[in-house]
């Protein structure tokens, strides 16, 4: 799920004013809604925090795409933690968001440095790959294999990969536990892979 798209889709309703709420009040509303979801509070919090996280990302990553990715990751983590009650003090939501931003930036920098070291070490040994020679995906076969899956398996895959929803959200929609969604997704992917590969032989 793209968090900012979600925030834009959820419009403020007259009977649910969020404009006067500060960050902590919005965080408390989100946490208090569990096991439900306070979409208006979530959207309002995302709209308030996204520009700040983006600026932080631009300042430390110096790349607009990386900063946009950082916004998505940080806000998604914040919403998931608030929904699950993992943030014990919603008053600290801004501290959590910027602490998470800082840690993700550190992780990203480490990853870039590690890739650079690997490239310097092994660049001469890595054969050039022409992406135009990548195997073509047989879309008709994939569609046929998806249709052969059980309805529940197909729904889990579509919600997980097409709508990019986390396991908890998929489970809420289908009446499954988060762990059950992961198991079904894993097995359905294996069945789908086996079916597609069988057609390629």
N, C-alpha and C. Protein backbone atom coordinates (compact mmCIF):
# COMPACT_ATOMS: atom_id res chain seq x y z
N UNK A 1 0.84 -1.19 0.00
CA UNK A 1 0.00 0.00 0.00
C UNK A 1 0.87 1.23 0.00
N UNK A 2 0.58 2.19 -0.86
CA UNK A 2 1.30 3.43 -0.81
C UNK A 2 0.62 4.32 0.19
N UNK A 3 1.36 4.68 1.23
CA UNK A 3 0.77 5.39 2.37
C UNK A 3 0.24 6.75 1.96
N UNK A 4 0.97 7.47 1.13
CA UNK A 4 0.52 8.81 0.76
C UNK A 4 -0.71 8.77 -0.13
N UNK A 5 -0.79 7.78 -1.02
CA UNK A 5 -2.00 7.64 -1.84
C UNK A 5 -3.19 7.36 -0.94
N UNK A 6 -2.97 6.51 0.06
CA UNK A 6 -4.02 6.17 1.02
C UNK A 6 -4.47 7.43 1.75
N UNK A 7 -3.51 8.25 2.18
CA UNK A 7 -3.84 9.47 2.91
C UNK A 7 -4.65 10.43 2.05
N UNK A 8 -4.33 10.48 0.76
CA UNK A 8 -5.07 11.38 -0.13
C UNK A 8 -6.48 10.87 -0.38
N UNK A 9 -6.63 9.53 -0.42
CA UNK A 9 -7.96 8.96 -0.71
C UNK A 9 -8.93 9.17 0.44
N UNK A 10 -8.40 9.15 1.67
CA UNK A 10 -9.29 9.28 2.82
C UNK A 10 -9.56 10.76 3.05
N UNK A 11 -10.73 11.21 2.71
CA UNK A 11 -11.07 12.62 2.84
C UNK A 11 -11.54 12.93 4.26
N UNK A 12 -11.29 14.16 4.69
CA UNK A 12 -11.82 14.58 5.98
C UNK A 12 -13.34 14.64 5.90
N UNK A 13 -14.00 14.10 6.91
CA UNK A 13 -15.45 14.14 6.95
C UNK A 13 -15.88 15.20 7.96
N UNK A 14 -17.02 15.82 7.73
CA UNK A 14 -17.49 16.86 8.63
C UNK A 14 -17.72 16.34 10.03
N UNK A 15 -18.15 15.07 10.13
CA UNK A 15 -18.44 14.51 11.46
C UNK A 15 -17.19 13.91 12.10
N UNK A 16 -16.04 14.06 11.47
CA UNK A 16 -14.81 13.50 12.01
C UNK A 16 -13.67 14.50 11.81
N UNK A 17 -13.75 15.65 12.46
CA UNK A 17 -12.73 16.68 12.23
C UNK A 17 -11.39 16.26 12.82
N UNK A 18 -10.35 16.36 12.02
CA UNK A 18 -9.00 16.05 12.51
C UNK A 18 -8.12 17.28 12.46
N UNK A 19 -8.64 18.35 11.88
CA UNK A 19 -7.81 19.54 11.67
C UNK A 19 -7.27 20.11 12.98
N UNK A 20 -8.06 20.05 14.04
CA UNK A 20 -7.62 20.62 15.32
C UNK A 20 -6.75 19.69 16.14
N UNK A 21 -6.61 18.43 15.72
CA UNK A 21 -5.83 17.46 16.48
C UNK A 21 -4.34 17.63 16.21
N UNK A 22 -3.53 17.56 17.27
CA UNK A 22 -2.08 17.57 17.06
C UNK A 22 -1.61 16.15 16.78
N UNK A 23 -0.29 15.99 16.53
CA UNK A 23 0.25 14.67 16.17
C UNK A 23 -0.08 13.62 17.22
N UNK A 24 0.10 13.98 18.50
CA UNK A 24 -0.12 13.02 19.58
C UNK A 24 -1.59 12.61 19.66
N UNK A 25 -2.50 13.59 19.47
CA UNK A 25 -3.93 13.28 19.52
C UNK A 25 -4.32 12.33 18.40
N UNK A 26 -3.76 12.55 17.21
CA UNK A 26 -4.03 11.66 16.09
C UNK A 26 -3.49 10.25 16.37
N UNK A 27 -2.28 10.19 16.94
CA UNK A 27 -1.68 8.90 17.28
C UNK A 27 -2.53 8.16 18.31
N UNK A 28 -3.04 8.89 19.30
CA UNK A 28 -3.91 8.26 20.31
C UNK A 28 -5.18 7.70 19.66
N UNK A 29 -5.75 8.45 18.73
CA UNK A 29 -6.97 7.97 18.05
C UNK A 29 -6.70 6.69 17.28
N UNK A 30 -5.56 6.65 16.59
CA UNK A 30 -5.21 5.46 15.80
C UNK A 30 -5.03 4.26 16.72
N UNK A 31 -4.31 4.45 17.83
CA UNK A 31 -4.06 3.36 18.78
C UNK A 31 -5.37 2.91 19.42
N UNK A 32 -6.26 3.86 19.73
CA UNK A 32 -7.52 3.52 20.41
C UNK A 32 -8.50 2.80 19.49
N UNK A 33 -8.32 2.93 18.19
CA UNK A 33 -9.26 2.31 17.24
C UNK A 33 -9.08 0.81 17.13
N UNK A 34 -7.94 0.27 17.62
CA UNK A 34 -7.66 -1.17 17.50
C UNK A 34 -8.76 -1.99 18.15
N UNK A 35 -9.29 -3.04 17.53
CA UNK A 35 -8.80 -3.69 16.31
C UNK A 35 -9.31 -3.07 15.01
N UNK A 36 -10.09 -2.00 15.11
CA UNK A 36 -10.53 -1.32 13.90
C UNK A 36 -9.46 -0.36 13.40
N UNK A 37 -9.85 0.46 12.43
CA UNK A 37 -8.92 1.43 11.84
C UNK A 37 -9.61 2.78 11.77
N UNK A 38 -8.96 3.81 12.28
CA UNK A 38 -9.45 5.18 12.18
C UNK A 38 -8.79 5.81 10.95
N UNK A 39 -9.41 5.59 9.79
CA UNK A 39 -8.83 6.04 8.53
C UNK A 39 -8.59 7.53 8.47
N UNK A 40 -9.52 8.33 9.02
CA UNK A 40 -9.36 9.79 8.97
C UNK A 40 -8.15 10.23 9.78
N UNK A 41 -7.96 9.63 10.96
CA UNK A 41 -6.81 9.99 11.80
C UNK A 41 -5.50 9.54 11.15
N UNK A 42 -5.51 8.35 10.56
CA UNK A 42 -4.31 7.85 9.88
C UNK A 42 -3.93 8.75 8.71
N UNK A 43 -4.93 9.12 7.90
CA UNK A 43 -4.66 9.99 6.75
C UNK A 43 -4.14 11.35 7.20
N UNK A 44 -4.76 11.90 8.25
CA UNK A 44 -4.32 13.21 8.74
C UNK A 44 -2.90 13.15 9.27
N UNK A 45 -2.58 12.08 10.02
CA UNK A 45 -1.22 11.95 10.55
C UNK A 45 -0.20 11.81 9.42
N UNK A 46 -0.53 11.04 8.41
CA UNK A 46 0.37 10.88 7.26
C UNK A 46 0.58 12.21 6.55
N UNK A 47 -0.51 12.96 6.36
CA UNK A 47 -0.37 14.26 5.69
C UNK A 47 0.51 15.21 6.49
N UNK A 48 0.45 15.12 7.81
CA UNK A 48 1.25 16.02 8.66
C UNK A 48 2.71 15.61 8.70
N UNK A 49 2.97 14.30 8.78
CA UNK A 49 4.35 13.85 8.98
C UNK A 49 5.13 13.66 7.68
N UNK A 50 4.43 13.36 6.58
CA UNK A 50 5.12 13.05 5.33
C UNK A 50 6.09 14.15 4.88
N UNK A 51 5.69 15.43 4.88
CA UNK A 51 6.63 16.45 4.42
C UNK A 51 7.88 16.53 5.29
N UNK A 52 7.73 16.31 6.59
CA UNK A 52 8.88 16.38 7.50
C UNK A 52 9.84 15.21 7.26
N UNK A 53 9.28 14.02 7.07
CA UNK A 53 10.13 12.85 6.81
C UNK A 53 10.81 13.00 5.45
N UNK A 54 10.09 13.54 4.47
CA UNK A 54 10.68 13.74 3.14
C UNK A 54 11.86 14.70 3.22
N UNK A 55 11.70 15.82 3.94
CA UNK A 55 12.81 16.77 4.09
C UNK A 55 14.00 16.11 4.77
N UNK A 56 13.72 15.30 5.80
CA UNK A 56 14.79 14.59 6.49
C UNK A 56 15.52 13.67 5.50
N UNK A 57 14.75 12.97 4.68
CA UNK A 57 15.34 12.07 3.70
C UNK A 57 16.17 12.81 2.66
N UNK A 58 15.65 13.93 2.16
CA UNK A 58 16.40 14.72 1.17
C UNK A 58 17.71 15.23 1.76
N UNK A 59 17.64 15.68 3.01
CA UNK A 59 18.84 16.23 3.66
C UNK A 59 19.91 15.16 3.84
N UNK A 60 19.49 13.94 4.21
CA UNK A 60 20.47 12.91 4.56
C UNK A 60 20.78 11.93 3.43
N UNK A 61 19.85 11.78 2.48
CA UNK A 61 20.08 10.84 1.38
C UNK A 61 20.42 11.54 0.07
N UNK A 62 20.03 12.80 -0.04
CA UNK A 62 20.32 13.63 -1.21
C UNK A 62 19.80 12.98 -2.51
N UNK A 63 18.64 12.37 -2.41
CA UNK A 63 18.05 11.70 -3.57
C UNK A 63 16.54 11.70 -3.38
N UNK A 64 15.82 12.29 -4.35
CA UNK A 64 14.37 12.44 -4.20
C UNK A 64 13.65 11.09 -4.14
N UNK A 65 14.10 10.12 -4.96
CA UNK A 65 13.44 8.81 -4.96
C UNK A 65 13.68 8.08 -3.64
N UNK A 66 14.91 8.15 -3.14
CA UNK A 66 15.22 7.50 -1.86
C UNK A 66 14.43 8.16 -0.74
N UNK A 67 14.28 9.49 -0.80
CA UNK A 67 13.51 10.20 0.23
C UNK A 67 12.04 9.79 0.18
N UNK A 68 11.50 9.63 -1.03
CA UNK A 68 10.10 9.19 -1.17
C UNK A 68 9.92 7.78 -0.62
N UNK A 69 10.89 6.90 -0.89
CA UNK A 69 10.83 5.54 -0.34
C UNK A 69 10.89 5.57 1.19
N UNK A 70 11.74 6.46 1.71
CA UNK A 70 11.86 6.59 3.17
C UNK A 70 10.52 6.98 3.79
N UNK A 71 9.84 7.93 3.17
CA UNK A 71 8.52 8.38 3.66
C UNK A 71 7.57 7.19 3.74
N UNK A 72 7.51 6.40 2.66
CA UNK A 72 6.60 5.24 2.63
C UNK A 72 6.92 4.26 3.75
N UNK A 73 8.21 3.92 3.87
CA UNK A 73 8.61 2.93 4.88
C UNK A 73 8.33 3.41 6.30
N UNK A 74 8.72 4.65 6.59
CA UNK A 74 8.59 5.17 7.95
C UNK A 74 7.12 5.28 8.34
N UNK A 75 6.29 5.84 7.46
CA UNK A 75 4.88 6.03 7.81
C UNK A 75 4.16 4.69 7.92
N UNK A 76 4.52 3.74 7.06
CA UNK A 76 3.91 2.41 7.16
C UNK A 76 4.26 1.75 8.49
N UNK A 77 5.53 1.86 8.88
CA UNK A 77 5.95 1.28 10.16
C UNK A 77 5.23 1.96 11.32
N UNK A 78 5.11 3.30 11.25
CA UNK A 78 4.45 4.04 12.33
C UNK A 78 2.98 3.61 12.46
N UNK A 79 2.28 3.50 11.32
CA UNK A 79 0.87 3.10 11.37
C UNK A 79 0.73 1.67 11.90
N UNK A 80 1.58 0.77 11.44
CA UNK A 80 1.49 -0.62 11.91
C UNK A 80 1.75 -0.71 13.41
N UNK A 81 2.74 0.05 13.90
CA UNK A 81 3.05 0.02 15.34
C UNK A 81 1.93 0.64 16.16
N UNK A 82 1.35 1.73 15.66
CA UNK A 82 0.23 2.35 16.39
C UNK A 82 -0.98 1.42 16.42
N UNK A 83 -1.28 0.79 15.28
CA UNK A 83 -2.43 -0.11 15.22
C UNK A 83 -2.28 -1.28 16.17
N UNK A 84 -1.05 -1.79 16.28
CA UNK A 84 -0.82 -2.98 17.11
C UNK A 84 -0.61 -2.65 18.58
N UNK A 85 -0.49 -1.36 18.91
CA UNK A 85 -0.25 -0.97 20.29
C UNK A 85 1.21 -1.07 20.70
N UNK A 86 2.12 -1.26 19.72
CA UNK A 86 3.54 -1.40 20.04
C UNK A 86 4.17 -0.09 20.49
N UNK A 87 3.57 1.04 20.09
CA UNK A 87 4.04 2.34 20.59
C UNK A 87 3.23 2.62 21.85
N UNK A 88 3.88 2.43 23.00
CA UNK A 88 3.15 2.51 24.27
C UNK A 88 2.72 3.93 24.62
N UNK A 89 3.49 4.90 24.17
CA UNK A 89 3.16 6.29 24.48
C UNK A 89 2.97 7.06 23.17
N UNK A 90 1.72 7.17 22.70
CA UNK A 90 1.47 7.88 21.44
C UNK A 90 1.97 9.32 21.44
N UNK A 91 2.17 9.89 22.64
CA UNK A 91 2.72 11.25 22.72
C UNK A 91 4.09 11.32 22.06
N UNK A 92 4.77 10.17 21.97
CA UNK A 92 6.12 10.13 21.42
C UNK A 92 6.15 9.77 19.93
N UNK A 93 5.02 9.94 19.24
CA UNK A 93 4.96 9.51 17.84
C UNK A 93 6.00 10.20 16.97
N UNK A 94 6.22 11.50 17.18
CA UNK A 94 7.19 12.22 16.36
C UNK A 94 8.60 11.70 16.63
N UNK A 95 8.91 11.44 17.90
CA UNK A 95 10.21 10.87 18.25
C UNK A 95 10.39 9.50 17.59
N UNK A 96 9.32 8.69 17.61
CA UNK A 96 9.39 7.38 16.97
C UNK A 96 9.65 7.53 15.48
N UNK A 97 8.92 8.43 14.83
CA UNK A 97 9.05 8.62 13.38
C UNK A 97 10.47 9.05 13.00
N UNK A 98 11.02 10.00 13.74
CA UNK A 98 12.36 10.46 13.37
C UNK A 98 13.45 9.50 13.83
N UNK A 99 13.22 8.78 14.90
CA UNK A 99 14.16 7.72 15.28
C UNK A 99 14.20 6.62 14.23
N UNK A 100 13.01 6.26 13.73
CA UNK A 100 12.92 5.25 12.67
C UNK A 100 13.57 5.77 11.38
N UNK A 101 13.32 7.04 11.06
CA UNK A 101 13.93 7.64 9.87
C UNK A 101 15.45 7.58 9.96
N UNK A 102 15.96 7.96 11.13
CA UNK A 102 17.42 7.96 11.33
C UNK A 102 18.00 6.56 11.14
N UNK A 103 17.32 5.55 11.74
CA UNK A 103 17.83 4.18 11.64
C UNK A 103 17.77 3.65 10.21
N UNK A 104 16.69 3.96 9.50
CA UNK A 104 16.57 3.50 8.11
C UNK A 104 17.61 4.17 7.22
N UNK A 105 17.90 5.45 7.46
CA UNK A 105 18.93 6.14 6.69
C UNK A 105 20.29 5.48 6.94
N UNK A 106 20.58 5.16 8.20
CA UNK A 106 21.84 4.47 8.53
C UNK A 106 21.91 3.13 7.79
N UNK A 107 20.80 2.37 7.82
CA UNK A 107 20.77 1.07 7.14
C UNK A 107 20.97 1.23 5.63
N UNK A 108 20.32 2.24 5.04
CA UNK A 108 20.46 2.47 3.60
C UNK A 108 21.90 2.82 3.25
N UNK A 109 22.51 3.68 4.05
CA UNK A 109 23.90 4.06 3.79
C UNK A 109 24.83 2.85 3.90
N UNK A 110 24.58 2.02 4.90
CA UNK A 110 25.41 0.81 5.04
C UNK A 110 25.25 -0.08 3.82
N UNK A 111 24.01 -0.22 3.35
CA UNK A 111 23.76 -1.05 2.18
C UNK A 111 24.47 -0.52 0.95
N UNK A 112 24.42 0.80 0.76
CA UNK A 112 25.10 1.41 -0.38
C UNK A 112 26.60 1.20 -0.27
N UNK A 113 27.16 1.43 0.93
CA UNK A 113 28.60 1.25 1.13
C UNK A 113 29.01 -0.20 0.87
N UNK A 114 28.17 -1.15 1.33
CA UNK A 114 28.47 -2.57 1.13
C UNK A 114 28.44 -2.92 -0.36
N UNK A 115 27.43 -2.41 -1.07
CA UNK A 115 27.36 -2.66 -2.52
C UNK A 115 28.57 -2.07 -3.25
N UNK A 116 28.96 -0.86 -2.84
CA UNK A 116 30.13 -0.23 -3.47
C UNK A 116 31.39 -1.06 -3.25
N UNK A 117 31.56 -1.55 -2.01
CA UNK A 117 32.74 -2.39 -1.72
C UNK A 117 32.71 -3.67 -2.56
N UNK A 118 31.53 -4.30 -2.65
CA UNK A 118 31.42 -5.53 -3.45
C UNK A 118 31.70 -5.26 -4.92
N UNK A 119 31.19 -4.14 -5.43
CA UNK A 119 31.45 -3.80 -6.82
C UNK A 119 32.94 -3.57 -7.08
N UNK A 120 33.58 -2.85 -6.17
CA UNK A 120 35.01 -2.60 -6.34
C UNK A 120 35.81 -3.90 -6.29
N UNK A 121 35.37 -4.82 -5.42
CA UNK A 121 36.10 -6.07 -5.26
C UNK A 121 35.87 -7.04 -6.42
N UNK A 122 34.60 -7.12 -6.86
CA UNK A 122 34.26 -8.18 -7.81
C UNK A 122 33.82 -7.69 -9.19
N UNK A 123 33.87 -6.40 -9.44
CA UNK A 123 33.32 -5.87 -10.70
C UNK A 123 33.93 -6.54 -11.92
N UNK A 124 35.22 -6.80 -11.89
CA UNK A 124 35.87 -7.40 -13.07
C UNK A 124 35.45 -8.85 -13.29
N UNK A 125 34.99 -9.51 -12.23
CA UNK A 125 34.62 -10.93 -12.33
C UNK A 125 33.15 -11.15 -12.70
N UNK A 126 32.34 -10.08 -12.62
CA UNK A 126 30.91 -10.23 -12.87
C UNK A 126 30.63 -10.08 -14.36
N UNK A 127 30.02 -11.10 -14.98
CA UNK A 127 29.74 -10.99 -16.42
C UNK A 127 28.64 -9.95 -16.69
N UNK A 128 28.75 -9.29 -17.82
CA UNK A 128 27.73 -8.31 -18.20
C UNK A 128 26.44 -9.05 -18.55
N UNK A 129 25.32 -8.49 -18.14
CA UNK A 129 24.02 -9.12 -18.40
C UNK A 129 23.19 -8.17 -19.25
N UNK A 130 22.64 -8.70 -20.31
CA UNK A 130 21.79 -7.90 -21.19
C UNK A 130 20.34 -8.14 -20.76
N UNK A 131 19.69 -7.10 -20.17
CA UNK A 131 18.30 -7.31 -19.69
C UNK A 131 17.33 -7.67 -20.80
N UNK A 132 17.66 -7.34 -22.05
CA UNK A 132 16.75 -7.67 -23.15
C UNK A 132 16.68 -9.17 -23.39
N UNK A 133 17.65 -9.93 -22.82
CA UNK A 133 17.64 -11.38 -22.99
C UNK A 133 17.00 -12.11 -21.81
N UNK A 134 16.38 -11.35 -20.92
CA UNK A 134 15.69 -11.97 -19.79
C UNK A 134 14.51 -12.79 -20.31
N UNK A 135 14.21 -13.92 -19.66
CA UNK A 135 13.10 -14.73 -20.16
C UNK A 135 11.78 -13.96 -20.10
N UNK A 136 11.01 -14.07 -21.16
CA UNK A 136 9.72 -13.35 -21.23
C UNK A 136 8.69 -14.08 -20.37
N UNK A 137 7.87 -13.30 -19.69
CA UNK A 137 6.82 -13.88 -18.86
C UNK A 137 5.62 -14.19 -19.74
N UNK A 138 5.12 -15.39 -19.64
CA UNK A 138 3.95 -15.80 -20.40
C UNK A 138 2.71 -15.36 -19.62
N UNK A 139 2.18 -14.19 -19.99
CA UNK A 139 1.06 -13.61 -19.24
C UNK A 139 -0.19 -14.48 -19.32
N UNK A 140 -0.43 -15.08 -20.47
CA UNK A 140 -1.61 -15.94 -20.60
C UNK A 140 -1.49 -17.14 -19.67
N UNK A 141 -0.29 -17.72 -19.60
CA UNK A 141 -0.07 -18.88 -18.72
C UNK A 141 -0.23 -18.46 -17.26
N UNK A 142 0.32 -17.31 -16.90
CA UNK A 142 0.20 -16.82 -15.53
C UNK A 142 -1.26 -16.63 -15.15
N UNK A 143 -2.04 -16.01 -16.06
CA UNK A 143 -3.47 -15.78 -15.78
C UNK A 143 -4.19 -17.12 -15.61
N UNK A 144 -3.88 -18.09 -16.48
CA UNK A 144 -4.50 -19.41 -16.39
C UNK A 144 -4.16 -20.08 -15.05
N UNK A 145 -2.89 -19.97 -14.64
CA UNK A 145 -2.46 -20.60 -13.38
C UNK A 145 -3.12 -19.92 -12.18
N UNK A 146 -3.26 -18.59 -12.24
CA UNK A 146 -3.94 -17.87 -11.16
C UNK A 146 -5.39 -18.34 -11.03
N UNK A 147 -6.05 -18.52 -12.17
CA UNK A 147 -7.45 -18.94 -12.17
C UNK A 147 -7.61 -20.36 -11.63
N UNK A 148 -6.56 -21.18 -11.73
CA UNK A 148 -6.63 -22.55 -11.23
C UNK A 148 -6.49 -22.62 -9.71
N UNK A 149 -5.94 -21.57 -9.10
CA UNK A 149 -5.78 -21.57 -7.64
C UNK A 149 -7.15 -21.52 -6.96
N UNK A 150 -7.19 -22.02 -5.73
CA UNK A 150 -8.42 -21.90 -4.94
C UNK A 150 -8.70 -20.41 -4.73
N UNK A 151 -9.96 -20.06 -4.57
CA UNK A 151 -10.35 -18.65 -4.46
C UNK A 151 -9.62 -17.94 -3.32
N UNK A 152 -9.50 -18.61 -2.17
CA UNK A 152 -8.83 -17.99 -1.02
C UNK A 152 -7.36 -17.73 -1.33
N UNK A 153 -6.69 -18.70 -1.95
CA UNK A 153 -5.28 -18.53 -2.31
C UNK A 153 -5.10 -17.37 -3.28
N UNK A 154 -5.98 -17.32 -4.27
CA UNK A 154 -5.91 -16.25 -5.27
C UNK A 154 -6.14 -14.89 -4.62
N UNK A 155 -7.10 -14.81 -3.72
CA UNK A 155 -7.39 -13.55 -3.02
C UNK A 155 -6.20 -13.08 -2.20
N UNK A 156 -5.55 -14.01 -1.50
CA UNK A 156 -4.37 -13.66 -0.70
C UNK A 156 -3.26 -13.11 -1.59
N UNK A 157 -3.02 -13.75 -2.73
CA UNK A 157 -1.97 -13.28 -3.63
C UNK A 157 -2.30 -11.91 -4.23
N UNK A 158 -3.53 -11.73 -4.65
CA UNK A 158 -3.92 -10.45 -5.27
C UNK A 158 -3.83 -9.31 -4.25
N UNK A 159 -4.35 -9.54 -3.04
CA UNK A 159 -4.29 -8.50 -2.02
C UNK A 159 -2.85 -8.21 -1.59
N UNK A 160 -2.03 -9.25 -1.55
CA UNK A 160 -0.64 -9.08 -1.10
C UNK A 160 0.24 -8.41 -2.14
N UNK A 161 0.12 -8.82 -3.41
CA UNK A 161 1.07 -8.36 -4.40
C UNK A 161 0.51 -7.33 -5.37
N UNK A 162 -0.78 -7.38 -5.67
CA UNK A 162 -1.34 -6.38 -6.57
C UNK A 162 -1.72 -5.13 -5.79
N UNK A 163 -2.38 -5.32 -4.64
CA UNK A 163 -2.76 -4.17 -3.81
C UNK A 163 -1.69 -3.80 -2.80
N UNK A 164 -0.63 -4.63 -2.70
CA UNK A 164 0.51 -4.37 -1.82
C UNK A 164 0.09 -4.14 -0.37
N UNK A 165 -0.79 -5.03 0.11
CA UNK A 165 -1.27 -4.89 1.48
C UNK A 165 -0.50 -5.82 2.41
N UNK A 166 -0.25 -5.39 3.65
CA UNK A 166 0.46 -6.24 4.60
C UNK A 166 -0.42 -7.41 5.04
N UNK A 167 0.24 -8.43 5.61
CA UNK A 167 -0.47 -9.66 6.00
C UNK A 167 -1.63 -9.37 6.95
N UNK A 168 -1.44 -8.46 7.87
CA UNK A 168 -2.51 -8.14 8.84
C UNK A 168 -3.76 -7.62 8.13
N UNK A 169 -3.55 -6.71 7.15
CA UNK A 169 -4.68 -6.14 6.41
C UNK A 169 -5.38 -7.20 5.57
N UNK A 170 -4.59 -8.08 4.94
CA UNK A 170 -5.16 -9.18 4.15
C UNK A 170 -5.99 -10.08 5.06
N UNK A 171 -5.43 -10.40 6.23
CA UNK A 171 -6.13 -11.25 7.18
C UNK A 171 -7.44 -10.64 7.65
N UNK A 172 -7.41 -9.32 7.93
CA UNK A 172 -8.64 -8.63 8.37
C UNK A 172 -9.72 -8.73 7.31
N UNK A 173 -9.33 -8.57 6.05
CA UNK A 173 -10.32 -8.61 4.97
C UNK A 173 -10.89 -10.01 4.76
N UNK A 174 -10.03 -11.03 4.91
CA UNK A 174 -10.46 -12.40 4.59
C UNK A 174 -10.83 -13.23 5.82
N UNK A 175 -10.74 -12.62 7.01
CA UNK A 175 -11.08 -13.36 8.22
C UNK A 175 -10.04 -14.40 8.60
N UNK A 176 -8.77 -14.07 8.37
CA UNK A 176 -7.67 -14.99 8.66
C UNK A 176 -6.70 -14.33 9.63
N UNK A 177 -5.91 -15.16 10.32
CA UNK A 177 -4.86 -14.59 11.16
C UNK A 177 -3.70 -14.16 10.27
N UNK A 178 -2.86 -13.28 10.81
CA UNK A 178 -1.69 -12.81 10.07
C UNK A 178 -0.77 -13.99 9.72
N UNK A 179 -0.57 -14.90 10.68
CA UNK A 179 0.30 -16.06 10.44
C UNK A 179 -0.29 -16.96 9.36
N UNK A 180 -1.61 -17.14 9.39
CA UNK A 180 -2.29 -17.97 8.39
C UNK A 180 -2.13 -17.38 6.99
N UNK A 181 -2.22 -16.04 6.90
CA UNK A 181 -2.03 -15.38 5.60
C UNK A 181 -0.64 -15.68 5.05
N UNK A 182 0.37 -15.63 5.90
CA UNK A 182 1.75 -15.88 5.45
C UNK A 182 1.92 -17.31 4.93
N UNK A 183 1.31 -18.26 5.65
CA UNK A 183 1.42 -19.66 5.23
C UNK A 183 0.69 -19.87 3.89
N UNK A 184 -0.53 -19.33 3.79
CA UNK A 184 -1.31 -19.48 2.55
C UNK A 184 -0.56 -18.83 1.39
N UNK A 185 -0.02 -17.63 1.63
CA UNK A 185 0.71 -16.90 0.58
C UNK A 185 1.92 -17.71 0.09
N UNK A 186 2.67 -18.26 1.05
CA UNK A 186 3.85 -19.05 0.70
C UNK A 186 3.47 -20.26 -0.16
N UNK A 187 2.45 -20.99 0.28
CA UNK A 187 2.04 -22.20 -0.45
C UNK A 187 1.42 -21.85 -1.80
N UNK A 188 0.63 -20.76 -1.85
CA UNK A 188 0.00 -20.36 -3.11
C UNK A 188 1.05 -19.93 -4.12
N UNK A 189 2.08 -19.22 -3.66
CA UNK A 189 3.17 -18.82 -4.56
C UNK A 189 3.88 -20.04 -5.13
N UNK A 190 4.09 -21.04 -4.28
CA UNK A 190 4.76 -22.25 -4.75
C UNK A 190 3.91 -22.97 -5.80
N UNK A 191 2.60 -23.06 -5.55
CA UNK A 191 1.70 -23.69 -6.53
C UNK A 191 1.71 -22.91 -7.85
N UNK A 192 1.66 -21.58 -7.73
CA UNK A 192 1.66 -20.74 -8.92
C UNK A 192 2.96 -20.92 -9.71
N UNK A 193 4.08 -20.92 -9.00
CA UNK A 193 5.39 -21.10 -9.65
C UNK A 193 5.45 -22.45 -10.36
N UNK A 194 5.02 -23.50 -9.65
CA UNK A 194 5.06 -24.84 -10.24
C UNK A 194 4.21 -24.90 -11.51
N UNK A 195 3.04 -24.28 -11.46
CA UNK A 195 2.12 -24.29 -12.61
C UNK A 195 2.74 -23.55 -13.79
N UNK A 196 3.28 -22.35 -13.53
CA UNK A 196 3.88 -21.56 -14.62
C UNK A 196 5.07 -22.28 -15.22
N UNK A 197 5.92 -22.85 -14.36
CA UNK A 197 7.12 -23.55 -14.86
C UNK A 197 6.75 -24.82 -15.63
N UNK A 198 5.68 -25.49 -15.21
CA UNK A 198 5.24 -26.70 -15.92
C UNK A 198 4.81 -26.35 -17.34
N UNK A 199 4.20 -25.17 -17.49
CA UNK A 199 3.77 -24.75 -18.82
C UNK A 199 4.91 -24.32 -19.71
N UNK A 200 6.05 -23.98 -19.08
CA UNK A 200 7.21 -23.51 -19.87
C UNK A 200 8.03 -24.67 -20.40
N UNK A 201 7.78 -25.87 -19.87
CA UNK A 201 8.58 -27.04 -20.31
C UNK A 201 8.12 -27.56 -21.66
